Amino acid sequence: AGSERRGNAGCALPAAVDVQPACLGLYCGRTVLSVNGSVETYGDCGVCPRGQRTDDNKICRECMGSPDRYDWLYLGFMAMLPLVLHWFFIEWYSGKKSSSALLQHVTALFECSIAAIVTLLVSDPVGSLRIRSCKVKKLSDWYTMLYNPSPDYITTVHCTHEAVYPLYTIVFIYYAFCLVLMMLLRPLLVKKIACGLGKSDRFKSIYAALYFFPILTVLQAVGGGLLYYAFPYIMLVLSLVTLAVYMSASEVESFKDLLVRKKRLVVLFSHWLLHAYGIISISKLDKLEQDLPLLALVPAPALFYLLTAKYTEPSRILSEGGNGH
């Protein structure tokens, strides 16, 4: 066909426009092949390259934004998970007479901190502690593999890509660095300082990490989007439950019992920090004058427990019940 058409009356019609078929699917888009001034040339409808996601016109655009405060809080939560688990298992297997627990705690903190810094440095832009990202708009952004269209109900157009770049994959990179650093540093440290433990016990905290890192990886792969929206409430509930369990197991029933051992105060303040982190994540501190007073509620659960513990002691309840009969 020529550049123009002529009708029956001989009048010239505009040139025929090459209209591309609609790009189906929630996350399918057309990549920009070339830009000539204000004119862009697009490719076929398909998956967007890494670091890009579709805009409202189904065009793949590069992620040029920065994570907002809530995104950083989410990444901080995912970074804290292996550290808290490291500390838990180190304490669990160190034994009461072992003096190596503190050094192992510091080493675990060093490993996770270095892994976080290296992860940020290798992320785009490389060599910088800042990262570029796409904005999370809805839960389905985390599960693009579930929205691959089938136009003829036979052929599936695969458009799976990281629409929440890099919040999904950066966690896997961080866990990988944590695991590598642990395997390089911890065995040498434990072998030298864990003299109070038997040969079969001194490496149990490392063996535990070899179990929980795959579990954390699967958790992020399957439930990353759910964790993104629910992690503040998970932190609040877990900090309350674990604090109550610890104080009950340690037979803490008064403020005097807390002051007997410094370790109990450290555990208490650690739970308060986690509780405050959860409150900050929920409020996002958008309005400081309204959100900051909420932090005053952080000590409330511990105070409530200490004030009511003597009334809920099982032996006392059983004795009073027996006297009643």
Foldseek 3Di string as FASTA:
>chain_A
DDQWDADPVRDTDGGDDDDDDDQDWPWWAWEFPDDDPPDTDTDDTAAADAQWTQDPRRYTDGQAAFDDLLLVLLVVLLLCVLLVLLLVLLVVLLDPPAPCSVVSNVLLVVQSVVLLQCLCCCEPVHRDNTHGWADDDDLCLLVRQVTFDDPPVPDTGGHDYNNGPPSQPSSVSSLVSSLVSCVVPVVVSLVPRSPVDDPVRSCVSVVVSVPVSVVSNVCSSPPVSVCSVCVLVVLQVVLLVVLLVVCVVQVPQAPVSCVVDVVSVVSLVVSLVSNLSSLCSVVVCPDVVPRVVVSVCSCVSVVVCNVCVVVPPVVVVVVVVVVVD
